[in-house]
Amino acid sequence: MRKSSFVEGTIIATVAIVFTKIIGMLYVIPFYAMVGVQGSALYAYAYTIYAIFLDISSAGLPIAMSKIINEYNTLGKMDAKVRAYKIGRNIMGFLAVLIFVILFCFAGDIAKLLLGDLSGGNTVEDVSLAIRAISFAILVVPFLSITKGYLQGHKIINVPSISQVLEQIVRVAIILVGSYLVIYVFKGSATLAVSISVSGAFFGALFAYLYVRYNIHKNKEISINNKYKKDDVTNKEIVKKIFSYAIPFIIINIVSSCYNFTDMTLILRTMNYLKLSATDTEFVTSAITTYAPKINMIIASVAMGMSTSLIPTIVESYTLGNWKDVNDKYNLAIQILLFISLPMTIGISLLGSAIWTIFYGYNQMGTYILCLNVFTGLFINLYMASSSTLQGLNKFKTVYLVTISGFLTNAILDVPLMLLYSKIGIPPYLGAISASIIGYVLSVMIAMLSLKKDCGMKYTKVWKTLAKLLVPLVLMIVTVLLVNIILPVNYDSRLSCILYVAIEAIAGAIVYLTVSYKMGIITELFGKSIIKKLVKKITFGKVVLD
């Protein structure tokens, strides 16, 4: 297994995550058609609850493990490194079983809390069944996550990335095949189809875990069965370090999941208060918390891939006391995020109607939700990069402040903005999305100001890159709008929308990338050698850059 540099690791992880998210986006087209609006809402309920409890049981430990492994590896403490993984795995096992029991036994109470007084849609029994079905994944996913963290701590990015793709393929296969068999072969209910679909998370994770363990076992250099000379690090120190590193990550991930849970709960109650139908209320809720974010994840995946590579490299530079390298890597991370995320965000927003139609069929509410919600993905990217850097530098108090302040802002503004928007004639559900955007913007601002004040971060390069990007961005927008005038689109036809989006995306991407390359932005961010390798691979060696 080969180690990866920061930029190379970012590209590998991002490509894998983007591919995974594309699969995750595409399967919803047939799945949505099979289970309908009510079944889709049920799927959203189960996954939102699952995400929160998954974060409680495992979110912090994998990234903390990556950080600890890299730290001990850098210091040459190999025995402590292996013991840290084994101790973390044992802690993970205890938490996984505990959370599984809570989810399985109290699924009915969780369902009642979630649905409140809503009637006419999914029942408490439906939601309970789906939650119990997905709870089994908690027994496997945490072990997969911590083992991937072990590899990432060694700067090995390719194996965890491949495992992520394999996990998604198995999961989606079970979702689609299971739903088809239940509904069309055995003539079962959408509730049963959804319950079988969410169980795909368990089987996908199990397959990926076996793949990762196999690769660790066959690589003698990083095998967890290696015997090393005993060092001076005690198990007590390791446990203390694991929890001190993991707790901030757990809090961050729980709060991030609570954005969705809070939005889901408050939207259900506020829309019910505004006398919207149960069907519209469940559609809007699932669209904001699950189905629009599925499309947004193509943007957020950039930050996910970057964090995978960023945390180990930041920790290494911090451990060696190289503050200039820390500064350079954080600035480069923000510049790459802006370069990739900005055009994707603007492009999806401009083509919102056609994109929503491709995945879910034309719906005006869905279009409005996607066109605004996509900007949440942009700020999530900046938030993830900033919080990852703060965590890598052990700035835990700031991490808490950044995360909780953004979440509280979102929670406080949700209902007032929905009521205000309703009062002035704007769709009220857009108020919840606006609250989330404001929350993430606040978090990013606090994080960047803190890094500047406490760590001497300088953002000159970021501002210069952002100023340069205005040129290709404006030309891209003009291109998309011109093609939009020339090219007709029929929203009653998915094929028409697919062709429309493909042509618009290709035209916009060509203009954006060409202008960016001519201005030297691409080579400045990624380096000439990596760009040459990518172009050579993409064109099968037919195009070689000077």
Protein backbone atom coordinates (compact mmCIF):
# COMPACT_ATOMS: atom_id res chain seq x y z
CA MET A 1 0.00 0.00 0.00
CA ARG A 2 1.42 3.34 -1.08
CA LYS A 3 1.44 6.52 1.01
CA SER A 4 0.00 9.70 -0.54
CA SER A 5 1.00 13.36 -0.39
CA PHE A 6 -1.52 15.97 0.77
CA VAL A 7 -2.72 17.03 -2.71
CA GLU A 8 -2.55 13.49 -4.11
CA GLY A 9 -4.38 12.10 -1.08
CA THR A 10 -7.01 14.80 -1.44
CA ILE A 11 -7.56 13.92 -5.10
CA ILE A 12 -7.78 10.15 -4.45
CA ALA A 13 -10.18 10.53 -1.52
CA THR A 14 -12.27 13.16 -3.30
CA VAL A 15 -12.59 11.11 -6.51
CA ALA A 16 -13.71 8.09 -4.46
CA ILE A 17 -16.19 10.14 -2.45
CA VAL A 18 -17.53 11.91 -5.54
CA PHE A 19 -18.00 8.54 -7.28
CA THR A 20 -19.71 7.20 -4.17
CA LYS A 21 -22.00 10.21 -3.97
CA ILE A 22 -22.86 9.96 -7.67
CA ILE A 23 -23.99 6.38 -7.08
CA GLY A 24 -25.88 7.63 -4.04
CA MET A 25 -27.54 10.31 -6.15
CA LEU A 26 -28.46 8.07 -9.07
CA TYR A 27 -30.08 5.25 -7.11
CA VAL A 28 -32.70 7.60 -5.67
CA ILE A 29 -34.28 7.98 -9.13
CA PRO A 30 -35.62 4.39 -9.33
CA PHE A 31 -35.91 4.11 -5.53
CA TYR A 32 -38.06 7.26 -5.28
CA ALA A 33 -40.23 5.98 -8.13
CA MET A 34 -40.75 2.63 -6.37
CA VAL A 35 -41.52 3.77 -2.81
CA GLY A 36 -43.16 7.16 -3.54
CA VAL A 37 -43.24 10.33 -1.44
CA GLN A 38 -44.36 8.63 1.78
CA GLY A 39 -41.78 5.84 1.47
CA SER A 40 -39.06 8.39 0.74
CA ALA A 41 -40.03 10.37 3.84
CA LEU A 42 -39.82 7.16 5.90
CA TYR A 43 -36.34 6.50 4.51
CA ALA A 44 -35.35 10.05 5.48
CA TYR A 45 -36.63 9.59 9.04
CA ALA A 46 -34.67 6.37 9.55
CA TYR A 47 -31.42 7.70 8.12
CA THR A 48 -31.57 10.97 10.06
CA ILE A 49 -31.95 9.12 13.37
CA TYR A 50 -29.29 6.58 12.35
CA ALA A 51 -26.82 9.36 11.49
CA ILE A 52 -27.17 10.96 14.93
CA PHE A 53 -26.65 7.70 16.82
CA LEU A 54 -23.84 6.65 14.49
CA ASP A 55 -22.09 9.90 15.34
CA ILE A 56 -22.50 9.20 19.06
CA SER A 57 -21.03 5.70 18.71
CA SER A 58 -18.24 6.29 16.22
CA ALA A 59 -17.88 9.74 14.66
CA GLY A 60 -14.98 10.95 16.79
CA LEU A 61 -12.92 7.81 17.15
CA PRO A 62 -11.93 7.14 13.49
CA ILE A 63 -10.56 10.67 12.92
CA ALA A 64 -9.02 10.69 16.40
CA MET A 65 -7.42 7.35 15.53
CA SER A 66 -6.01 8.80 12.30
CA LYS A 67 -4.57 11.69 14.29
CA ILE A 68 -3.07 9.51 17.05
CA ILE A 69 -1.60 6.95 14.61
CA ASN A 70 0.07 9.72 12.61
CA GLU A 71 1.40 11.37 15.78
CA TYR A 72 2.94 8.16 17.19
CA ASN A 73 4.22 7.18 13.73
CA THR A 74 5.95 10.55 13.35
CA LEU A 75 7.55 10.16 16.79
CA GLY A 76 8.61 6.54 16.04
CA LYS A 77 6.47 5.02 18.83
CA MET A 78 5.30 1.94 16.95
CA ASP A 79 4.16 -0.14 19.93
CA ALA A 80 1.98 2.73 21.20
CA LYS A 81 0.53 3.09 17.70
CA VAL A 82 -0.67 -0.53 17.56
CA ARG A 83 -1.94 -0.48 21.16
CA ALA A 84 -3.85 2.73 20.42
CA TYR A 85 -5.71 1.02 17.58
CA LYS A 86 -6.60 -2.03 19.69
CA ILE A 87 -7.78 0.09 22.64
CA GLY A 88 -9.84 2.28 20.30
CA ARG A 89 -11.39 -0.81 18.73
CA ASN A 90 -12.44 -2.14 22.15
CA ILE A 91 -13.99 1.21 23.13
CA MET A 92 -15.79 1.26 19.79
CA GLY A 93 -17.18 -2.24 20.36
CA PHE A 94 -18.71 -1.30 23.71
CA LEU A 95 -20.31 1.89 22.34
CA ALA A 96 -21.61 0.14 19.22
CA VAL A 97 -23.44 -2.54 21.20
CA LEU A 98 -24.84 0.04 23.65
CA ILE A 99 -26.18 2.29 20.87
CA PHE A 100 -27.64 -0.69 18.99
CA VAL A 101 -29.59 -1.77 22.08
CA ILE A 102 -30.89 1.79 22.63
CA LEU A 103 -31.99 2.16 19.00
CA PHE A 104 -33.60 -1.25 18.77
CA CYS A 105 -35.40 -1.14 22.12
CA PHE A 106 -36.54 2.49 22.06
CA ALA A 107 -37.36 2.85 18.36
CA GLY A 108 -41.04 3.48 19.16
CA ASP A 109 -40.28 6.32 21.58
CA ILE A 110 -37.87 7.92 19.09
CA ALA A 111 -40.53 7.69 16.36
CA LYS A 112 -43.12 9.39 18.60
CA LEU A 113 -40.67 12.19 19.42
CA LEU A 114 -39.94 12.68 15.73
CA LEU A 115 -43.48 12.68 14.35
CA GLY A 116 -45.19 14.66 17.13
CA ASP A 117 -48.84 15.32 16.24
CA LEU A 118 -48.44 14.78 12.50
CA SER A 119 -51.14 12.53 11.06
CA GLY A 120 -52.04 11.36 7.58
CA GLY A 121 -48.52 10.22 6.64
CA ASN A 122 -46.18 7.57 8.04
CA THR A 123 -47.22 6.04 11.36
CA VAL A 124 -45.16 5.54 14.50
CA GLU A 125 -45.10 1.81 13.74
CA ASP A 126 -43.70 2.45 10.22
CA VAL A 127 -40.90 4.67 11.53
CA SER A 128 -40.12 2.24 14.38
CA LEU A 129 -39.70 -0.68 11.96
CA ALA A 130 -37.34 1.32 9.72
CA ILE A 131 -35.24 2.47 12.70
CA ARG A 132 -34.90 -1.11 14.01
CA ALA A 133 -33.90 -2.33 10.53
CA ILE A 134 -31.10 0.20 10.20
CA SER A 135 -29.88 -0.19 13.80
CA PHE A 136 -27.93 -3.37 12.88
CA ALA A 137 -25.51 -1.25 10.84
CA ILE A 138 -24.28 0.29 14.11
CA LEU A 139 -22.70 -3.08 14.93
CA VAL A 140 -20.36 -2.90 11.90
CA VAL A 141 -19.91 0.66 10.63
CA PRO A 142 -17.93 1.91 13.67
CA PHE A 143 -15.35 -0.90 13.26
CA LEU A 144 -15.02 -0.09 9.56
CA SER A 145 -14.54 3.60 10.35
CA ILE A 146 -11.84 3.11 12.99
CA THR A 147 -9.92 0.68 10.78
CA LYS A 148 -9.99 3.17 7.91
CA GLY A 149 -8.73 5.78 10.40
CA TYR A 150 -5.78 3.48 11.18
CA LEU A 151 -4.81 3.42 7.49
CA GLN A 152 -5.36 7.15 6.99
CA GLY A 153 -3.06 7.82 9.93
CA HIS A 154 -0.34 6.12 7.86
CA LYS A 155 -1.24 8.43 4.93
CA ILE A 156 -2.64 5.41 3.06
CA ILE A 157 -5.70 6.83 1.31
CA ASN A 158 -6.34 4.47 -1.60
CA VAL A 159 -7.55 1.41 0.37
CA PRO A 160 -10.06 3.35 2.56
CA SER A 161 -11.26 5.14 -0.58
CA ILE A 162 -11.81 1.88 -2.50
CA SER A 163 -13.60 0.38 0.51
CA GLN A 164 -15.97 3.34 0.51
CA VAL A 165 -16.87 2.71 -3.13
CA LEU A 166 -17.40 -1.03 -2.47
CA GLU A 167 -19.57 -0.25 0.55
CA GLN A 168 -21.79 2.05 -1.50
CA ILE A 169 -22.14 -0.40 -4.39
CA VAL A 170 -23.29 -3.22 -2.07
CA ARG A 171 -25.62 -0.90 -0.15
CA VAL A 172 -27.27 0.50 -3.28
CA ALA A 173 -27.64 -2.98 -4.81
CA ILE A 174 -29.56 -4.13 -1.74
CA ILE A 175 -31.71 -0.98 -1.76
CA LEU A 176 -32.75 -1.34 -5.39
CA VAL A 177 -33.03 -5.14 -5.61
CA GLY A 178 -34.74 -5.38 -2.22
CA SER A 179 -37.27 -2.64 -3.02
CA TYR A 180 -38.02 -4.13 -6.44
CA LEU A 181 -38.60 -7.63 -5.07
CA VAL A 182 -40.82 -6.45 -2.19
CA ILE A 183 -43.00 -4.11 -4.27
CA TYR A 184 -43.18 -5.74 -7.71
CA VAL A 185 -42.56 -9.45 -7.06
CA PHE A 186 -44.01 -10.08 -3.61
CA LYS A 187 -46.49 -7.15 -3.75
CA GLY A 188 -45.41 -5.92 -0.32
CA SER A 189 -45.73 -2.47 1.21
CA ALA A 190 -43.45 0.55 0.78
CA THR A 191 -42.76 0.38 4.53
CA LEU A 192 -41.31 -3.13 4.21
CA ALA A 193 -39.35 -2.09 1.10
CA VAL A 194 -37.80 0.84 2.95
CA SER A 195 -36.97 -1.33 5.97
CA ILE A 196 -35.11 -3.81 3.77
CA SER A 197 -33.43 -0.94 1.92
CA VAL A 198 -31.98 0.66 5.06
CA SER A 199 -30.54 -2.73 6.09
CA GLY A 200 -28.22 -2.32 3.09
CA ALA A 201 -26.06 -0.11 5.33
CA PHE A 202 -25.18 -3.20 7.41
CA PHE A 203 -24.22 -5.44 4.49
CA GLY A 204 -22.30 -2.73 2.65
CA ALA A 205 -20.26 -1.91 5.75
CA LEU A 206 -19.55 -5.59 6.45
CA PHE A 207 -18.22 -6.16 2.92
CA ALA A 208 -16.03 -3.03 3.10
CA TYR A 209 -14.72 -3.97 6.56
CA LEU A 210 -13.58 -7.39 5.36
CA TYR A 211 -11.81 -5.75 2.41
CA VAL A 212 -9.95 -3.26 4.63
CA ARG A 213 -8.91 -5.91 7.18
CA TYR A 214 -7.62 -8.14 4.37
CA ASN A 215 -5.40 -5.33 3.06
CA ILE A 216 -4.01 -4.56 6.52
CA HIS A 217 -3.31 -8.26 7.14
CA LYS A 218 -1.35 -8.72 3.92
CA ASN A 219 0.78 -5.58 4.46
CA LYS A 220 3.46 -6.58 6.98
CA GLU A 221 4.70 -3.01 7.44
CA ILE A 222 1.49 -1.77 9.06
CA SER A 223 -0.03 -5.04 10.30
CA ILE A 224 -1.61 -4.73 13.73
CA ASN A 225 -0.10 -8.14 14.59
CA ASN A 226 3.46 -6.81 14.47
CA LYS A 227 5.46 -7.06 17.69
CA TYR A 228 7.36 -3.89 18.58
CA LYS A 229 9.70 -3.02 21.41
CA LYS A 230 7.74 -1.73 24.42
CA ASP A 231 7.88 2.06 24.67
CA ASP A 232 7.23 4.50 27.53
CA VAL A 233 3.62 5.30 26.54
CA THR A 234 1.12 3.76 29.00
CA ASN A 235 -2.36 2.49 28.13
CA LYS A 236 -3.79 5.13 30.48
CA GLU A 237 -2.10 7.86 28.44
CA ILE A 238 -3.44 6.35 25.21
CA VAL A 239 -7.02 6.17 26.55
CA LYS A 240 -6.80 9.77 27.75
CA LYS A 241 -5.48 10.88 24.37
CA ILE A 242 -8.17 8.95 22.48
CA PHE A 243 -10.98 10.60 24.43
CA SER A 244 -9.39 14.07 24.38
CA TYR A 245 -9.10 13.82 20.58
CA ALA A 246 -12.39 12.00 19.97
CA ILE A 247 -14.82 14.08 22.04
CA PRO A 248 -14.49 17.24 19.88
CA PHE A 249 -15.06 15.18 16.73
CA ILE A 250 -18.08 13.48 18.31
CA ILE A 251 -19.60 16.81 19.35
CA ILE A 252 -19.00 18.30 15.89
CA ASN A 253 -20.59 15.37 14.09
CA ILE A 254 -23.53 15.14 16.48
CA VAL A 255 -24.20 18.85 16.10
CA SER A 256 -23.92 18.56 12.30
CA SER A 257 -26.46 15.71 12.32
CA CYS A 258 -28.62 17.75 14.69
CA TYR A 259 -28.83 20.46 12.02
CA ASN A 260 -30.92 17.98 10.03
CA PHE A 261 -32.82 16.63 13.03
CA THR A 262 -33.63 20.15 14.25
CA ASP A 263 -34.72 21.24 10.78
CA MET A 264 -36.81 18.08 10.40
CA THR A 265 -38.57 18.53 13.75
CA LEU A 266 -39.15 22.29 13.44
CA ILE A 267 -40.25 22.12 9.80
CA LEU A 268 -42.79 19.39 10.63
CA ARG A 269 -44.27 21.44 13.44
CA THR A 270 -44.12 24.86 11.74
CA MET A 271 -45.60 23.62 8.45
CA ASN A 272 -48.33 21.90 10.46
CA TYR A 273 -48.94 25.20 12.30
CA LEU A 274 -49.20 27.00 8.95
CA LYS A 275 -51.90 24.48 7.94
CA LEU A 276 -50.04 22.84 5.05
CA SER A 277 -51.14 19.33 4.13
CA ALA A 278 -49.38 16.30 5.62
CA THR A 279 -48.24 15.26 2.13
CA ASP A 280 -46.60 18.65 1.40
CA THR A 281 -45.13 18.78 4.90
CA GLU A 282 -43.49 15.34 4.59
CA PHE A 283 -42.28 16.16 1.08
CA VAL A 284 -40.66 19.43 2.15
CA THR A 285 -39.13 17.84 5.25
CA SER A 286 -37.59 14.92 3.38
CA ALA A 287 -36.49 17.20 0.52
CA ILE A 288 -34.61 19.56 2.87
CA THR A 289 -33.11 16.95 5.17
CA THR A 290 -32.38 14.08 2.76
CA TYR A 291 -33.05 14.52 -0.96
CA ALA A 292 -31.59 17.96 -1.67
CA PRO A 293 -28.56 17.16 0.54
CA LYS A 294 -28.01 13.99 -1.54
CA ILE A 295 -27.39 16.25 -4.54
CA ASN A 296 -25.41 18.70 -2.39
CA MET A 297 -23.13 15.90 -1.24
CA ILE A 298 -21.38 16.03 -4.59
CA ILE A 299 -20.11 19.42 -3.40
CA ALA A 300 -19.52 18.52 0.24
CA SER A 301 -17.55 15.44 -0.86
CA VAL A 302 -14.66 17.72 -1.79
CA ALA A 303 -14.22 18.72 1.85
CA MET A 304 -14.70 15.12 3.00
CA GLY A 305 -11.90 13.95 0.73
CA MET A 306 -9.72 16.85 1.76
CA SER A 307 -10.25 16.27 5.49
CA THR A 308 -9.15 12.66 5.05
CA SER A 309 -5.77 13.89 3.81
CA LEU A 310 -5.64 17.24 5.65
CA ILE A 311 -5.82 16.04 9.27
CA PRO A 312 -2.82 13.64 9.16
CA THR A 313 -0.63 16.18 7.32
CA ILE A 314 -1.64 19.05 9.63
CA VAL A 315 -0.91 16.84 12.68
CA GLU A 316 2.51 15.90 11.26
CA SER A 317 3.46 19.55 10.66
CA TYR A 318 2.10 20.56 14.08
CA THR A 319 3.96 17.72 15.84
CA LEU A 320 7.22 18.86 14.19
CA GLY A 321 6.49 22.52 15.05
CA ASN A 322 6.43 23.60 11.38
CA TRP A 323 3.88 26.45 11.55
CA LYS A 324 4.66 27.73 8.06
CA ASP A 325 3.67 24.35 6.63
CA VAL A 326 0.46 24.38 8.69
CA ASN A 327 -0.38 27.82 7.33
CA ASP A 328 0.42 26.82 3.74
CA LYS A 329 -1.65 23.62 3.88
CA TYR A 330 -4.72 25.29 5.38
CA ASN A 331 -4.59 28.10 2.83
CA LEU A 332 -4.14 25.59 0.01
CA ALA A 333 -7.10 23.58 1.33
CA ILE A 334 -9.38 26.65 1.29
CA GLN A 335 -8.20 27.66 -2.18
CA ILE A 336 -8.83 24.19 -3.63
CA LEU A 337 -12.27 24.07 -1.97
CA LEU A 338 -13.22 27.42 -3.48
CA PHE A 339 -11.86 26.46 -6.91
CA ILE A 340 -13.93 23.25 -7.04
CA SER A 341 -16.99 24.11 -4.91
CA LEU A 342 -17.90 27.56 -6.24
CA PRO A 343 -18.58 26.58 -9.88
CA MET A 344 -20.38 23.40 -8.80
CA THR A 345 -22.62 25.33 -6.38
CA ILE A 346 -23.49 28.06 -8.86
CA GLY A 347 -23.98 25.54 -11.67
CA ILE A 348 -26.39 23.34 -9.68
CA SER A 349 -28.33 26.40 -8.55
CA LEU A 350 -28.67 27.67 -12.13
CA LEU A 351 -29.83 24.25 -13.36
CA GLY A 352 -31.92 23.43 -10.28
CA SER A 353 -35.23 22.73 -12.05
CA ALA A 354 -33.75 20.27 -14.54
CA ILE A 355 -31.57 18.54 -11.95
CA TRP A 356 -34.46 18.05 -9.51
CA THR A 357 -36.61 16.73 -12.36
CA ILE A 358 -33.93 14.18 -13.32
CA PHE A 359 -33.83 12.71 -9.82
CA TYR A 360 -37.33 13.14 -8.46
CA GLY A 361 -39.61 14.42 -11.22
CA TYR A 362 -40.58 18.06 -11.69
CA ASN A 363 -41.72 19.78 -8.52
CA GLN A 364 -41.67 23.53 -7.96
CA MET A 365 -41.13 23.19 -4.21
CA GLY A 366 -38.24 20.79 -4.82
CA THR A 367 -36.67 23.22 -7.30
CA TYR A 368 -36.82 26.13 -4.85
CA ILE A 369 -35.34 23.95 -2.10
CA LEU A 370 -32.44 22.71 -4.24
CA CYS A 371 -31.53 26.11 -5.70
CA LEU A 372 -31.05 27.58 -2.21
CA ASN A 373 -29.99 24.47 -0.29
CA VAL A 374 -27.02 23.87 -2.57
CA PHE A 375 -25.27 26.89 -1.01
CA THR A 376 -25.34 25.04 2.31
CA GLY A 377 -22.94 22.53 0.74
CA LEU A 378 -20.47 25.31 -0.13
CA PHE A 379 -20.30 26.60 3.44
CA ILE A 380 -20.21 23.08 4.88
CA ASN A 381 -17.01 22.59 2.86
CA LEU A 382 -15.37 25.67 4.37
CA TYR A 383 -16.64 24.71 7.83
CA MET A 384 -15.23 21.17 7.58
CA ALA A 385 -11.79 22.34 6.42
CA SER A 386 -11.60 24.97 9.15
CA SER A 387 -12.81 22.70 11.97
CA SER A 388 -10.47 19.89 10.78
CA THR A 389 -7.53 22.27 10.99
CA LEU A 390 -8.56 23.47 14.46
CA GLN A 391 -8.84 19.87 15.63
CA GLY A 392 -5.47 19.00 14.12
CA LEU A 393 -3.98 21.87 16.14
CA ASN A 394 -5.78 20.75 19.35
CA LYS A 395 -7.84 23.97 19.51
CA PHE A 396 -10.75 22.12 21.06
CA LYS A 397 -12.38 25.03 22.90
CA THR A 398 -12.56 26.95 19.64
CA VAL A 399 -14.00 23.86 17.92
CA TYR A 400 -16.81 23.76 20.49
CA LEU A 401 -17.46 27.48 20.10
CA VAL A 402 -17.47 27.30 16.29
CA THR A 403 -19.77 24.27 16.13
CA ILE A 404 -22.26 25.09 18.87
CA SER A 405 -22.62 28.77 17.92
CA GLY A 406 -23.51 27.81 14.34
CA PHE A 407 -25.98 25.16 15.44
CA LEU A 408 -27.70 27.42 18.00
CA THR A 409 -27.98 30.17 15.39
CA ASN A 410 -29.68 27.72 13.03
CA ALA A 411 -32.03 26.41 15.75
CA ILE A 412 -32.98 29.91 16.97
CA LEU A 413 -33.63 31.27 13.46
CA ASP A 414 -35.49 28.28 11.98
CA VAL A 415 -39.04 29.08 13.11
CA PRO A 416 -38.81 32.92 13.02
CA LEU A 417 -37.46 32.88 9.45
CA MET A 418 -40.10 30.37 8.32
CA LEU A 419 -42.88 32.53 9.80
CA LEU A 420 -41.33 35.70 8.36
CA TYR A 421 -41.00 34.20 4.88
CA SER A 422 -44.62 33.02 5.05
CA LYS A 423 -45.71 36.53 6.06
CA ILE A 424 -43.94 38.27 3.14
CA GLY A 425 -45.00 35.73 0.51
CA ILE A 426 -41.83 33.61 0.27
CA PRO A 427 -42.19 29.81 0.64
CA PRO A 428 -41.77 29.30 4.42
CA TYR A 429 -39.58 26.21 4.14
CA LEU A 430 -36.84 28.35 2.56
CA GLY A 431 -36.53 30.03 5.96
CA ALA A 432 -35.16 26.80 7.46
CA ILE A 433 -32.54 26.56 4.69
CA SER A 434 -31.57 30.22 5.19
CA ALA A 435 -31.12 29.55 8.92
CA SER A 436 -28.74 26.67 8.18
CA ILE A 437 -26.68 28.79 5.77
CA ILE A 438 -26.42 31.61 8.32
CA GLY A 439 -25.34 29.08 10.98
CA TYR A 440 -22.54 27.65 8.84
CA VAL A 441 -21.37 31.11 7.71
CA LEU A 442 -21.07 32.18 11.34
CA SER A 443 -19.09 29.02 12.18
CA VAL A 444 -16.65 29.61 9.30
CA MET A 445 -16.12 33.25 10.26
CA ILE A 446 -15.39 32.41 13.92
CA ALA A 447 -13.01 29.58 12.89
CA MET A 448 -11.02 31.68 10.43
CA LEU A 449 -10.76 34.63 12.82
CA SER A 450 -9.60 32.31 15.60
CA LEU A 451 -6.95 30.70 13.38
CA LYS A 452 -5.70 34.14 12.40
CA LYS A 453 -5.57 35.38 16.00
CA ASP A 454 -4.18 32.28 17.76
CA CYS A 455 -2.07 30.66 15.04
CA GLY A 456 -1.05 33.60 12.87
CA MET A 457 -2.87 32.36 9.79
CA LYS A 458 -2.67 34.71 6.83
CA TYR A 459 -5.29 34.61 4.09
CA THR A 460 -3.62 36.75 1.44
CA LYS A 461 -3.35 33.85 -1.02
CA VAL A 462 -6.99 32.90 -0.44
CA TRP A 463 -8.23 36.40 -1.27
CA LYS A 464 -5.99 36.57 -4.36
CA THR A 465 -7.28 33.21 -5.62
CA LEU A 466 -10.90 34.23 -4.94
CA ALA A 467 -10.38 37.46 -6.91
CA LYS A 468 -8.87 35.53 -9.83
CA LEU A 469 -11.74 33.02 -9.80
CA LEU A 470 -14.26 35.78 -10.47
CA VAL A 471 -13.17 35.89 -14.12
CA PRO A 472 -13.76 32.19 -15.02
CA LEU A 473 -16.88 32.12 -12.80
CA VAL A 474 -18.51 35.08 -14.57
CA LEU A 475 -17.63 33.64 -18.00
CA MET A 476 -19.05 30.26 -16.94
CA ILE A 477 -22.33 31.86 -15.78
CA VAL A 478 -22.63 33.83 -19.03
CA THR A 479 -22.01 30.64 -21.03
CA VAL A 480 -24.68 28.70 -19.12
CA LEU A 481 -27.23 31.53 -19.53
CA LEU A 482 -26.51 31.83 -23.28
CA VAL A 483 -26.88 28.08 -23.81
CA ASN A 484 -30.09 28.27 -21.75
CA ILE A 485 -31.52 30.80 -24.23
CA ILE A 486 -30.62 28.65 -27.25
CA LEU A 487 -31.40 25.20 -25.84
CA PRO A 488 -35.03 24.30 -25.05
CA VAL A 489 -35.87 21.96 -22.19
CA ASN A 490 -38.99 19.89 -21.53
CA TYR A 491 -39.53 19.36 -17.79
CA ASP A 492 -42.03 16.59 -18.53
CA SER A 493 -39.21 14.49 -19.97
CA ARG A 494 -36.31 13.19 -17.85
CA LEU A 495 -34.30 12.47 -21.01
CA SER A 496 -34.71 16.08 -22.18
CA CYS A 497 -33.51 17.30 -18.76
CA ILE A 498 -30.52 14.93 -18.77
CA LEU A 499 -29.39 16.17 -22.19
CA TYR A 500 -29.98 19.77 -21.15
CA VAL A 501 -27.95 19.45 -17.93
CA ALA A 502 -25.16 17.50 -19.67
CA ILE A 503 -24.75 20.12 -22.43
CA GLU A 504 -24.92 23.03 -19.99
CA ALA A 505 -22.47 21.37 -17.57
CA ILE A 506 -19.95 20.46 -20.28
CA ALA A 507 -20.10 23.94 -21.82
CA GLY A 508 -19.74 25.67 -18.45
CA ALA A 509 -16.94 23.32 -17.29
CA ILE A 510 -14.93 23.77 -20.51
CA VAL A 511 -15.07 27.55 -20.21
CA TYR A 512 -14.29 27.53 -16.47
CA LEU A 513 -11.38 25.09 -16.67
CA THR A 514 -9.89 26.56 -19.85
CA VAL A 515 -9.89 30.13 -18.51
CA SER A 516 -8.59 28.94 -15.11
CA TYR A 517 -5.75 27.04 -16.78
CA LYS A 518 -4.83 29.95 -19.03
CA MET A 519 -4.73 32.24 -15.97
CA GLY A 520 -2.42 29.79 -14.18
CA ILE A 521 -4.87 29.09 -11.35
CA ILE A 522 -4.95 25.30 -11.81
CA THR A 523 -1.16 24.77 -11.91
CA GLU A 524 -0.72 27.15 -8.98
CA LEU A 525 -3.09 25.11 -6.81
CA PHE A 526 -2.37 21.52 -7.85
CA GLY A 527 1.17 21.69 -9.23
CA LYS A 528 2.32 20.94 -12.77
CA SER A 529 3.36 17.33 -12.14
CA ILE A 530 -0.04 16.25 -10.77
CA ILE A 531 -1.91 18.07 -13.57
CA LYS A 532 0.29 16.34 -16.16
CA LYS A 533 -0.39 12.92 -14.60
CA LEU A 534 -4.16 13.54 -14.49
CA VAL A 535 -4.37 14.77 -18.09
CA LYS A 536 -2.24 11.85 -19.28
CA LYS A 537 -4.47 9.32 -17.49
CA ILE A 538 -7.75 10.93 -18.58
CA THR A 539 -6.66 11.07 -22.24
CA PHE A 540 -4.97 7.62 -22.14
CA GLY A 541 -1.60 9.20 -22.90
CA LYS A 542 -2.75 11.03 -26.05
CA VAL A 543 -2.37 14.51 -24.54
CA VAL A 544 0.87 15.49 -22.82
CA LEU A 545 1.15 18.97 -21.30
CA ASP A 546 4.40 20.90 -21.57
